Amino acid sequence: MHVQEWLETIPAVAVYVLVGVVIGLESLGIPLPGEIVLVSSALLASQHGDINPWVLGACAIAGAIIGDSIGYAIGRKGGRPLLAWLGGKFPKHFSEANIGLAERSFQKWGMWAVFFGRFVALLRIFAGPLAGVLHMPYWKFLIANVFGGILWAGGTTAVIYSVGIVAEAWLKRFSWLGLVLAVLIGVASMLIIKNRAKKAAAEHAERAEAVEAAPEPVGVAD
């Protein structure tokens, strides 16, 4: 069977559910390949007429926001013992070193760690639970969570889908080779988006450190 014909046999609703569930579980704090699933699904949508990219993006955004919110609630209730438990279950991801790195990021950037954390695999897993553990005000968390989820999930879907549509015209004749090349193009686009987000986060951190290091004005003597 030709690859294109095989892809068209996948029900659209199965793709929507898979994307929403995987991204939601990853955002909740369970290490899953949410970004890979999202990129692959957006590429599939560009080749599969029954998969609506708007619905796909909406499912990805909903999964990201809802998963992060549940992770926040669990982290706020479970506290640091929860992080210790997660460290026992997922030592590779929730090691003391990784937790310390994520915590320092939150202390430096606050709600920006939740926003920009969407574009960094480690922080994407930590953001919700750690924000709850550190008792970040929920309104701040919610704002960063919603805007970060929309930009990451919706933006990634739009970019990868557009790349797939443009590439489809000349890649569709090459079967698996075309699919692999399309994936590589999509991943490259995703890395560009992540790199820009990291640069923006680094610039914000530098500005924050500069403000902290600035000498306080000397008061006028009476």
Protein backbone atom coordinates (compact mmCIF):
# COMPACT_ATOMS: atom_id res chain seq x y z
CA MET A 1 0.00 0.00 0.00
CA HIS A 2 1.24 3.48 -0.86
CA VAL A 3 2.16 5.61 2.15
CA GLN A 4 -0.38 8.28 1.26
CA GLU A 5 -3.15 5.67 1.07
CA TRP A 6 -2.10 4.21 4.42
CA LEU A 7 -2.09 7.62 6.10
CA GLU A 8 -5.59 8.32 4.86
CA THR A 9 -6.90 5.28 6.76
CA ILE A 10 -6.17 6.92 10.14
CA PRO A 11 -9.42 8.37 11.62
CA ALA A 12 -9.22 12.10 12.26
CA VAL A 13 -10.82 11.78 15.70
CA ALA A 14 -8.07 9.35 16.74
CA VAL A 15 -5.44 11.97 15.88
CA TYR A 16 -7.29 14.71 17.79
CA VAL A 17 -7.64 12.51 20.91
CA LEU A 18 -4.03 11.31 20.75
CA VAL A 19 -2.66 14.86 20.52
CA GLY A 20 -4.84 16.22 23.30
CA VAL A 21 -4.17 13.33 25.68
CA VAL A 22 -0.41 13.07 25.13
CA ILE A 23 0.18 16.82 25.42
CA GLY A 24 -2.13 17.00 28.42
CA LEU A 25 -0.30 14.20 30.25
CA GLU A 26 3.09 15.72 29.42
CA SER A 27 1.97 19.12 30.70
CA LEU A 28 0.62 17.45 33.83
CA GLY A 29 4.12 16.23 34.62
CA ILE A 30 4.41 12.80 32.97
CA PRO A 31 7.43 12.58 30.61
CA LEU A 32 5.89 11.91 27.18
CA PRO A 33 6.95 13.03 23.67
CA GLY A 34 4.27 15.70 23.32
CA GLU A 35 6.25 17.83 20.91
CA ILE A 36 7.02 14.90 18.61
CA VAL A 37 3.37 13.86 18.58
CA LEU A 38 2.26 17.43 17.80
CA VAL A 39 4.75 17.90 14.95
CA SER A 40 3.95 14.50 13.45
CA SER A 41 0.20 15.14 13.66
CA ALA A 42 0.48 18.58 12.06
CA LEU A 43 2.45 17.06 9.18
CA LEU A 44 -0.12 14.29 8.90
CA ALA A 45 -2.90 16.91 8.74
CA SER A 46 -1.17 18.55 5.78
CA GLN A 47 -1.36 15.22 3.93
CA HIS A 48 -4.70 13.99 5.28
CA GLY A 49 -7.71 15.95 4.03
CA ASP A 50 -10.00 14.73 6.81
CA ILE A 51 -7.83 16.16 9.61
CA ASN A 52 -8.77 19.77 10.26
CA PRO A 53 -5.69 21.77 11.36
CA TRP A 54 -7.88 24.20 13.33
CA VAL A 55 -9.41 21.36 15.35
CA LEU A 56 -5.98 19.77 15.75
CA GLY A 57 -4.51 23.03 17.05
CA ALA A 58 -7.48 23.54 19.39
CA CYS A 59 -7.04 20.03 20.83
CA ALA A 60 -3.32 20.65 21.34
CA ILE A 61 -3.97 24.00 23.05
CA ALA A 62 -6.70 22.51 25.25
CA GLY A 63 -4.47 19.61 26.25
CA ALA A 64 -1.59 21.96 27.10
CA ILE A 65 -3.68 24.38 29.20
CA ILE A 66 -5.78 21.75 30.99
CA GLY A 67 -2.81 19.48 31.66
CA ASP A 68 -0.75 22.32 33.09
CA SER A 69 -3.66 23.45 35.28
CA ILE A 70 -4.14 19.94 36.70
CA GLY A 71 -0.39 19.72 37.29
CA TYR A 72 -0.53 23.03 39.16
CA ALA A 73 -3.37 21.80 41.39
CA ILE A 74 -1.56 18.53 42.13
CA GLY A 75 1.70 20.34 42.87
CA ARG A 76 0.02 22.84 45.20
CA LYS A 77 -1.64 20.03 47.16
CA GLY A 78 1.25 17.57 47.11
CA GLY A 79 4.09 20.01 47.81
CA ARG A 80 7.70 18.91 47.84
CA PRO A 81 6.89 15.30 48.82
CA LEU A 82 5.28 15.07 45.38
CA LEU A 83 8.58 16.02 43.71
CA ALA A 84 10.36 13.38 45.77
CA TRP A 85 7.79 10.79 44.68
CA LEU A 86 8.15 11.79 41.05
CA GLY A 87 11.92 11.54 41.43
CA GLY A 88 11.48 7.92 42.46
CA LYS A 89 9.18 7.16 39.53
CA PHE A 90 11.02 9.19 36.87
CA PRO A 91 14.61 9.60 38.13
CA LYS A 92 15.92 10.69 34.73
CA HIS A 93 13.56 13.65 34.46
CA PHE A 94 12.85 14.51 38.12
CA SER A 95 16.38 14.22 39.47
CA GLU A 96 17.50 16.67 42.16
CA ALA A 97 19.69 18.46 39.61
CA ASN A 98 16.78 18.96 37.19
CA ILE A 99 14.43 20.04 39.96
CA GLY A 100 17.03 22.54 41.19
CA LEU A 101 17.51 23.92 37.68
CA ALA A 102 13.77 24.31 37.16
CA GLU A 103 13.34 25.92 40.58
CA ARG A 104 16.08 28.47 39.88
CA SER A 105 14.38 29.27 36.58
CA PHE A 106 11.13 29.95 38.42
CA GLN A 107 12.87 32.10 41.02
CA LYS A 108 14.53 34.18 38.28
CA TRP A 109 11.71 34.48 35.79
CA GLY A 110 8.52 33.85 37.74
CA MET A 111 5.54 33.51 35.40
CA TRP A 112 7.86 33.85 32.40
CA ALA A 113 9.26 30.41 33.29
CA VAL A 114 5.78 28.98 32.68
CA PHE A 115 5.41 30.90 29.42
CA PHE A 116 8.82 30.18 27.89
CA GLY A 117 8.92 26.75 29.51
CA ARG A 118 6.50 25.60 26.82
CA PHE A 119 9.38 25.65 24.35
CA VAL A 120 11.82 23.72 26.56
CA ALA A 121 11.14 20.00 27.10
CA LEU A 122 12.35 19.91 30.72
CA LEU A 123 10.44 23.00 31.84
CA ARG A 124 7.34 21.90 29.92
CA ILE A 125 7.12 18.84 32.19
CA PHE A 126 7.96 20.77 35.37
CA ALA A 127 6.01 23.98 34.83
CA GLY A 128 2.60 23.02 36.18
CA PRO A 129 3.55 20.91 39.22
CA LEU A 130 6.48 23.13 40.22
CA ALA A 131 4.42 26.33 39.97
CA GLY A 132 1.95 24.71 42.36
CA VAL A 133 4.66 23.49 44.75
CA LEU A 134 6.17 27.00 44.87
CA HIS A 135 2.69 28.51 45.43
CA MET A 136 2.85 30.84 42.43
CA PRO A 137 -0.33 32.99 42.49
CA TYR A 138 -2.82 31.15 40.32
CA TRP A 139 -3.79 34.21 38.28
CA LYS A 140 -0.17 34.67 37.20
CA PHE A 141 0.16 30.99 36.40
CA LEU A 142 -3.09 31.00 34.42
CA ILE A 143 -2.09 33.96 32.25
CA ALA A 144 1.31 32.44 31.43
CA ASN A 145 -0.24 29.00 30.95
CA VAL A 146 -2.92 30.18 28.52
CA PHE A 147 -0.71 32.42 26.39
CA GLY A 148 2.17 29.93 26.43
CA GLY A 149 -0.13 27.09 25.45
CA ILE A 150 -1.66 29.05 22.59
CA LEU A 151 1.69 30.21 21.22
CA TRP A 152 3.44 26.84 21.52
CA ALA A 153 0.66 24.42 20.57
CA GLY A 154 -1.19 26.66 18.11
CA GLY A 155 1.96 28.18 16.61
CA THR A 156 3.68 24.84 16.15
CA THR A 157 0.59 23.37 14.51
CA ALA A 158 0.27 26.32 12.11
CA VAL A 159 3.95 26.40 11.13
CA ILE A 160 4.36 22.65 10.64
CA TYR A 161 1.04 22.34 8.78
CA SER A 162 2.01 25.18 6.42
CA VAL A 163 5.40 23.60 5.77
CA GLY A 164 3.70 20.29 5.01
CA ILE A 165 1.28 21.90 2.54
CA VAL A 166 4.08 23.65 0.69
CA ALA A 167 6.26 20.54 0.61
CA GLU A 168 3.44 18.15 -0.32
CA ALA A 169 3.34 19.15 -3.99
CA TRP A 170 6.85 17.90 -4.73
CA LEU A 171 7.34 15.34 -1.95
CA LYS A 172 4.28 13.19 -2.45
CA ARG A 173 5.86 11.16 -5.28
CA PHE A 174 8.72 9.92 -3.12
CA SER A 175 6.72 7.75 -0.67
CA TRP A 176 8.66 7.19 2.58
CA LEU A 177 11.55 9.38 1.43
CA GLY A 178 9.16 12.29 1.00
CA LEU A 179 7.62 11.69 4.41
CA VAL A 180 11.05 11.62 6.07
CA LEU A 181 12.11 14.84 4.33
CA ALA A 182 8.86 16.51 5.35
CA VAL A 183 9.47 15.50 8.96
CA LEU A 184 13.02 16.91 8.82
CA ILE A 185 11.73 20.20 7.43
CA GLY A 186 9.09 20.34 10.14
CA VAL A 187 11.58 19.61 12.91
CA ALA A 188 13.93 22.30 11.57
CA SER A 189 11.08 24.83 11.69
CA MET A 190 10.24 23.77 15.23
CA LEU A 191 13.87 24.20 16.33
CA ILE A 192 13.91 27.72 14.92
CA ILE A 193 10.84 28.61 16.98
CA LYS A 194 12.37 27.08 20.12
CA ASN A 195 15.66 28.88 19.56
CA ARG A 196 13.93 32.24 19.32
CA ALA A 197 11.97 31.52 22.49
CA LYS A 198 15.15 30.57 24.37
CA LYS A 199 16.88 33.76 23.21
CA ALA A 200 13.92 35.82 24.40
CA ALA A 201 14.01 34.04 27.77
CA ALA A 202 17.76 34.61 28.10
CA GLU A 203 17.40 38.31 27.29
CA HIS A 204 14.64 38.64 29.88
CA ALA A 205 16.84 36.91 32.50
CA GLU A 206 19.77 39.23 31.71
CA ARG A 207 17.58 42.29 32.12
CA ALA A 208 16.25 40.95 35.43
CA GLU A 209 19.79 40.30 36.71
CA ALA A 210 20.90 43.77 35.62
CA VAL A 211 18.05 45.34 37.59
CA GLU A 212 18.93 43.27 40.67
CA ALA A 213 22.62 44.19 40.40
CA ALA A 214 21.96 47.90 39.99
CA PRO A 215 23.04 49.91 43.09
CA GLU A 216 20.25 51.37 45.18
CA PRO A 217 20.02 55.18 45.18
CA VAL A 218 21.68 56.79 48.18
CA GLY A 219 19.20 58.62 50.40
CA VAL A 220 19.64 62.31 51.12
CA ALA A 221 20.80 62.97 54.67
CA ASP A 222 18.48 64.99 56.91
